[in-house]
């Protein structure tokens, strides 16, 4: 139900993103999904990768500010309104979505999200019988 995500504090400087991607590529770490939120000074890059523990170690060893966190990975439809229908379950339970991004894999739309209460969110997933993806499912692809 949860997957490890790497969050990287990224300076808004020419070539910084390329440096990080090169480090991961040299270690044969595949990026499954990624998003960047930025300001004029810095950005936060969030990634789901094929080997999160190894990626975290590599980044830390290269003085990159990175954190490993658990996020939820929920399968949803890709038709108009599908994301809204899925997120409505969390809204009805009084949960806030701190951030979300999505990607498609094997014909399935996957929502990566973090809520203000992970345990309550897990309960919503169980109660609503929502399909989810585990980290091992992503790494195999």
C-alpha atoms as a PDB file:
ATOM      1  CA  UNK A   1       0.000   0.000   0.000  1.00  0.00           C
ATOM      2  CA  UNK A   2       2.963   2.281   0.591  1.00  0.00           C
ATOM      3  CA  UNK A   3       6.046   2.861  -1.473  1.00  0.00           C
ATOM      4  CA  UNK A   4       9.249   4.672  -0.633  1.00  0.00           C
ATOM      5  CA  UNK A   5       9.683   8.061  -2.224  1.00  0.00           C
ATOM      6  CA  UNK A   6      12.877  10.062  -2.385  1.00  0.00           C
ATOM      7  CA  UNK A   7      12.485  13.796  -1.825  1.00  0.00           C
ATOM      8  CA  UNK A   8      15.447  15.898  -2.902  1.00  0.00           C
ATOM      9  CA  UNK A   9      16.084  19.521  -2.031  1.00  0.00           C
ATOM     10  CA  UNK A  10      17.274  20.876  -5.361  1.00  0.00           C
ATOM     11  CA  UNK A  11      18.995  24.220  -5.867  1.00  0.00           C
ATOM     12  CA  UNK A  12      17.703  26.159  -8.856  1.00  0.00           C
ATOM     13  CA  UNK A  13      21.122  26.185 -10.510  1.00  0.00           C
ATOM     14  CA  UNK A  14      22.111  25.225 -14.001  1.00  0.00           C
ATOM     15  CA  UNK A  15      23.023  21.529 -14.230  1.00  0.00           C
ATOM     16  CA  UNK A  16      21.938  20.439 -10.704  1.00  0.00           C
ATOM     17  CA  UNK A  17      19.120  18.225 -11.960  1.00  0.00           C
ATOM     18  CA  UNK A  18      21.409  16.618 -14.536  1.00  0.00           C
ATOM     19  CA  UNK A  19      24.002  15.878 -11.844  1.00  0.00           C
ATOM     20  CA  UNK A  20      21.467  14.042  -9.706  1.00  0.00           C
ATOM     21  CA  UNK A  21      20.027  12.086 -12.615  1.00  0.00           C
ATOM     22  CA  UNK A  22      23.543  11.125 -13.726  1.00  0.00           C
ATOM     23  CA  UNK A  23      24.396   9.814 -10.242  1.00  0.00           C
ATOM     24  CA  UNK A  24      21.341   7.574 -10.277  1.00  0.00           C
ATOM     25  CA  UNK A  25      21.854   6.456 -13.857  1.00  0.00           C
ATOM     26  CA  UNK A  26      25.457   5.456 -13.214  1.00  0.00           C
ATOM     27  CA  UNK A  27      24.190   3.122 -10.488  1.00  0.00           C
ATOM     28  CA  UNK A  28      21.507   1.636 -12.758  1.00  0.00           C
ATOM     29  CA  UNK A  29      18.653   3.101 -10.715  1.00  0.00           C
ATOM     30  CA  UNK A  30      15.539   3.482 -12.813  1.00  0.00           C
ATOM     31  CA  UNK A  31      13.184   6.422 -12.243  1.00  0.00           C
ATOM     32  CA  UNK A  32       9.608   5.162 -12.273  1.00  0.00           C
ATOM     33  CA  UNK A  33       7.876   8.485 -11.539  1.00  0.00           C
ATOM     34  CA  UNK A  34       9.063  12.000 -10.727  1.00  0.00           C
ATOM     35  CA  UNK A  35       7.740  15.466 -10.083  1.00  0.00           C
ATOM     36  CA  UNK A  36       9.376  18.783  -9.254  1.00  0.00           C
ATOM     37  CA  UNK A  37       7.810  21.668  -7.346  1.00  0.00           C
ATOM     38  CA  UNK A  38       9.914  24.791  -7.590  1.00  0.00           C
ATOM     39  CA  UNK A  39      10.358  28.359  -6.510  1.00  0.00           C
ATOM     40  CA  UNK A  40      12.879  30.865  -7.816  1.00  0.00           C
ATOM     41  CA  UNK A  41      15.471  29.696  -5.267  1.00  0.00           C
ATOM     42  CA  UNK A  42      15.023  25.929  -5.000  1.00  0.00           C
ATOM     43  CA  UNK A  43      12.864  22.971  -5.882  1.00  0.00           C
ATOM     44  CA  UNK A  44      11.774  19.732  -4.307  1.00  0.00           C
ATOM     45  CA  UNK A  45      12.066  16.732  -6.555  1.00  0.00           C
ATOM     46  CA  UNK A  46      10.021  13.710  -5.542  1.00  0.00           C
ATOM     47  CA  UNK A  47      10.771  10.374  -7.149  1.00  0.00           C
ATOM     48  CA  UNK A  48       9.728   6.757  -7.074  1.00  0.00           C
ATOM     49  CA  UNK A  49      12.766   4.707  -8.120  1.00  0.00           C
ATOM     50  CA  UNK A  50      13.671   1.046  -8.655  1.00  0.00           C
ATOM     51  CA  UNK A  51      15.912   0.867  -5.568  1.00  0.00           C
ATOM     52  CA  UNK A  52      15.020   3.632  -3.110  1.00  0.00           C
ATOM     53  CA  UNK A  53      17.406   2.569  -0.328  1.00  0.00           C
ATOM     54  CA  UNK A  54      20.381   2.462  -2.681  1.00  0.00           C
ATOM     55  CA  UNK A  55      19.383   5.761  -4.315  1.00  0.00           C
ATOM     56  CA  UNK A  56      19.097   7.441  -0.925  1.00  0.00           C
ATOM     57  CA  UNK A  57      22.556   6.198   0.097  1.00  0.00           C
ATOM     58  CA  UNK A  58      24.124   7.325  -3.191  1.00  0.00           C
ATOM     59  CA  UNK A  59      22.599  10.786  -2.907  1.00  0.00           C
ATOM     60  CA  UNK A  60      23.629  11.211   0.728  1.00  0.00           C
ATOM     61  CA  UNK A  61      27.175  10.033  -0.075  1.00  0.00           C
ATOM     62  CA  UNK A  62      27.319  12.759  -2.736  1.00  0.00           C
ATOM     63  CA  UNK A  63      26.147  15.508  -0.345  1.00  0.00           C
ATOM     64  CA  UNK A  64      22.668  15.746  -1.853  1.00  0.00           C
ATOM     65  CA  UNK A  65      19.954  16.707   0.627  1.00  0.00           C
ATOM     66  CA  UNK A  66      17.528  13.785   0.293  1.00  0.00           C
ATOM     67  CA  UNK A  67      14.878  12.136   2.461  1.00  0.00           C
ATOM     68  CA  UNK A  68      13.179   8.776   2.182  1.00  0.00           C
ATOM     69  CA  UNK A  69       9.452   8.841   2.989  1.00  0.00           C
ATOM     70  CA  UNK A  70       6.471   6.531   2.657  1.00  0.00           C
ATOM     71  CA  UNK A  71       3.660   7.550   0.331  1.00  0.00           C
ATOM     72  CA  UNK A  72       0.489   5.810  -0.800  1.00  0.00           C
ATOM     73  CA  UNK A  73       0.224   4.350  -4.305  1.00  0.00           C
ATOM     74  CA  UNK A  74      -3.373   3.889  -5.407  1.00  0.00           C
ATOM     75  CA  UNK A  75      -4.611   2.473  -8.699  1.00  0.00           C
ATOM     76  CA  UNK A  76      -7.346   4.538 -10.302  1.00  0.00           C
ATOM     77  CA  UNK A  77      -9.019   4.875 -13.654  1.00  0.00           C
ATOM     78  CA  UNK A  78      -7.662   7.239 -16.266  1.00  0.00           C
ATOM     79  CA  UNK A  79     -10.999   8.484 -17.577  1.00  0.00           C
ATOM     80  CA  UNK A  80     -12.308  11.967 -16.867  1.00  0.00           C
ATOM     81  CA  UNK A  81     -13.328  12.271 -13.223  1.00  0.00           C
ATOM     82  CA  UNK A  82     -11.555   9.129 -12.008  1.00  0.00           C
ATOM     83  CA  UNK A  83      -9.033  11.004  -9.865  1.00  0.00           C
ATOM     84  CA  UNK A  84     -11.819  13.079  -8.338  1.00  0.00           C
ATOM     85  CA  UNK A  85     -13.839   9.965  -7.489  1.00  0.00           C
ATOM     86  CA  UNK A  86     -10.847   8.354  -5.814  1.00  0.00           C
ATOM     87  CA  UNK A  87      -9.883  11.444  -3.831  1.00  0.00           C
ATOM     88  CA  UNK A  88     -13.472  12.010  -2.708  1.00  0.00           C
ATOM     89  CA  UNK A  89     -13.147   9.000  -0.377  1.00  0.00           C
ATOM     90  CA  UNK A  90     -10.332  10.784   1.462  1.00  0.00           C
ATOM     91  CA  UNK A  91     -12.192  14.104   1.537  1.00  0.00           C
ATOM     92  CA  UNK A  92     -15.278  12.437   3.034  1.00  0.00           C
ATOM     93  CA  UNK A  93     -13.037  10.962   5.746  1.00  0.00           C
ATOM     94  CA  UNK A  94     -11.776  14.462   6.615  1.00  0.00           C
ATOM     95  CA  UNK A  95      -8.276  13.882   5.231  1.00  0.00           C
ATOM     96  CA  UNK A  96      -6.254  16.559   3.485  1.00  0.00           C
ATOM     97  CA  UNK A  97      -4.047  15.743   0.525  1.00  0.00           C
ATOM     98  CA  UNK A  98      -0.639  17.337   1.152  1.00  0.00           C
ATOM     99  CA  UNK A  99       0.544  16.546  -2.360  1.00  0.00           C
ATOM    100  CA  UNK A 100      -0.180  14.194  -5.215  1.00  0.00           C
ATOM    101  CA  UNK A 101       1.233  13.183  -8.561  1.00  0.00           C
ATOM    102  CA  UNK A 102       0.431  10.418 -10.984  1.00  0.00           C
ATOM    103  CA  UNK A 103       1.864   8.162 -13.634  1.00  0.00           C
ATOM    104  CA  UNK A 104       0.772   5.201 -15.731  1.00  0.00           C
ATOM    105  CA  UNK A 105       2.270   1.735 -15.674  1.00  0.00           C
ATOM    106  CA  UNK A 106       1.048  -1.388 -17.441  1.00  0.00           C
ATOM    107  CA  UNK A 107      -2.109   0.431 -18.535  1.00  0.00           C
ATOM    108  CA  UNK A 108      -2.996   1.479 -14.983  1.00  0.00           C
ATOM    109  CA  UNK A 109      -3.135   5.019 -13.665  1.00  0.00           C
ATOM    110  CA  UNK A 110      -1.344   5.301 -10.319  1.00  0.00           C
ATOM    111  CA  UNK A 111      -1.869   8.145  -7.856  1.00  0.00           C
ATOM    112  CA  UNK A 112       0.994   8.832  -5.481  1.00  0.00           C
ATOM    113  CA  UNK A 113      -0.257  10.818  -2.539  1.00  0.00           C
ATOM    114  CA  UNK A 114       0.560  11.938   0.926  1.00  0.00           C
ATOM    115  CA  UNK A 115      -2.164  12.840   3.380  1.00  0.00           C
ATOM    116  CA  UNK A 116      -2.182  14.574   6.727  1.00  0.00           C
ATOM    117  CA  UNK A 117      -2.841  11.194   8.421  1.00  0.00           C
ATOM    118  CA  UNK A 118      -1.356   8.083   6.817  1.00  0.00           C
ATOM    119  CA  UNK A 119      -3.084   5.570   9.131  1.00  0.00           C
ATOM    120  CA  UNK A 120      -6.517   7.073   8.498  1.00  0.00           C
ATOM    121  CA  UNK A 121      -5.752   7.066   4.771  1.00  0.00           C
ATOM    122  CA  UNK A 122      -4.865   3.360   4.945  1.00  0.00           C
ATOM    123  CA  UNK A 123      -8.190   2.729   6.643  1.00  0.00           C
ATOM    124  CA  UNK A 124     -10.002   4.576   3.829  1.00  0.00           C
ATOM    125  CA  UNK A 125      -8.197   2.405   1.281  1.00  0.00           C
ATOM    126  CA  UNK A 126      -9.219  -0.776   3.130  1.00  0.00           C
ATOM    127  CA  UNK A 127     -12.801   0.329   3.796  1.00  0.00           C
ATOM    128  CA  UNK A 128     -13.383   1.474   0.195  1.00  0.00           C
ATOM    129  CA  UNK A 129     -11.583  -1.582  -1.179  1.00  0.00           C
ATOM    130  CA  UNK A 130      -9.339   0.637  -3.322  1.00  0.00           C
ATOM    131  CA  UNK A 131      -6.688  -1.106  -5.365  1.00  0.00           C
ATOM    132  CA  UNK A 132      -3.152  -0.173  -4.414  1.00  0.00           C
ATOM    133  CA  UNK A 133       0.383  -0.891  -5.533  1.00  0.00           C
ATOM    134  CA  UNK A 134       3.199  -2.106  -3.308  1.00  0.00           C
ATOM    135  CA  UNK A 135       6.826  -1.215  -3.855  1.00  0.00           C
ATOM    136  CA  UNK A 136       7.696  -4.718  -5.073  1.00  0.00           C
ATOM    137  CA  UNK A 137       5.046  -4.404  -7.810  1.00  0.00           C
ATOM    138  CA  UNK A 138       6.725  -1.244  -9.125  1.00  0.00           C
ATOM    139  CA  UNK A 139      10.271  -2.567  -8.969  1.00  0.00           C
ATOM    140  CA  UNK A 140       9.384  -5.631 -11.084  1.00  0.00           C
ATOM    141  CA  UNK A 141       8.177  -3.524 -14.011  1.00  0.00           C
END
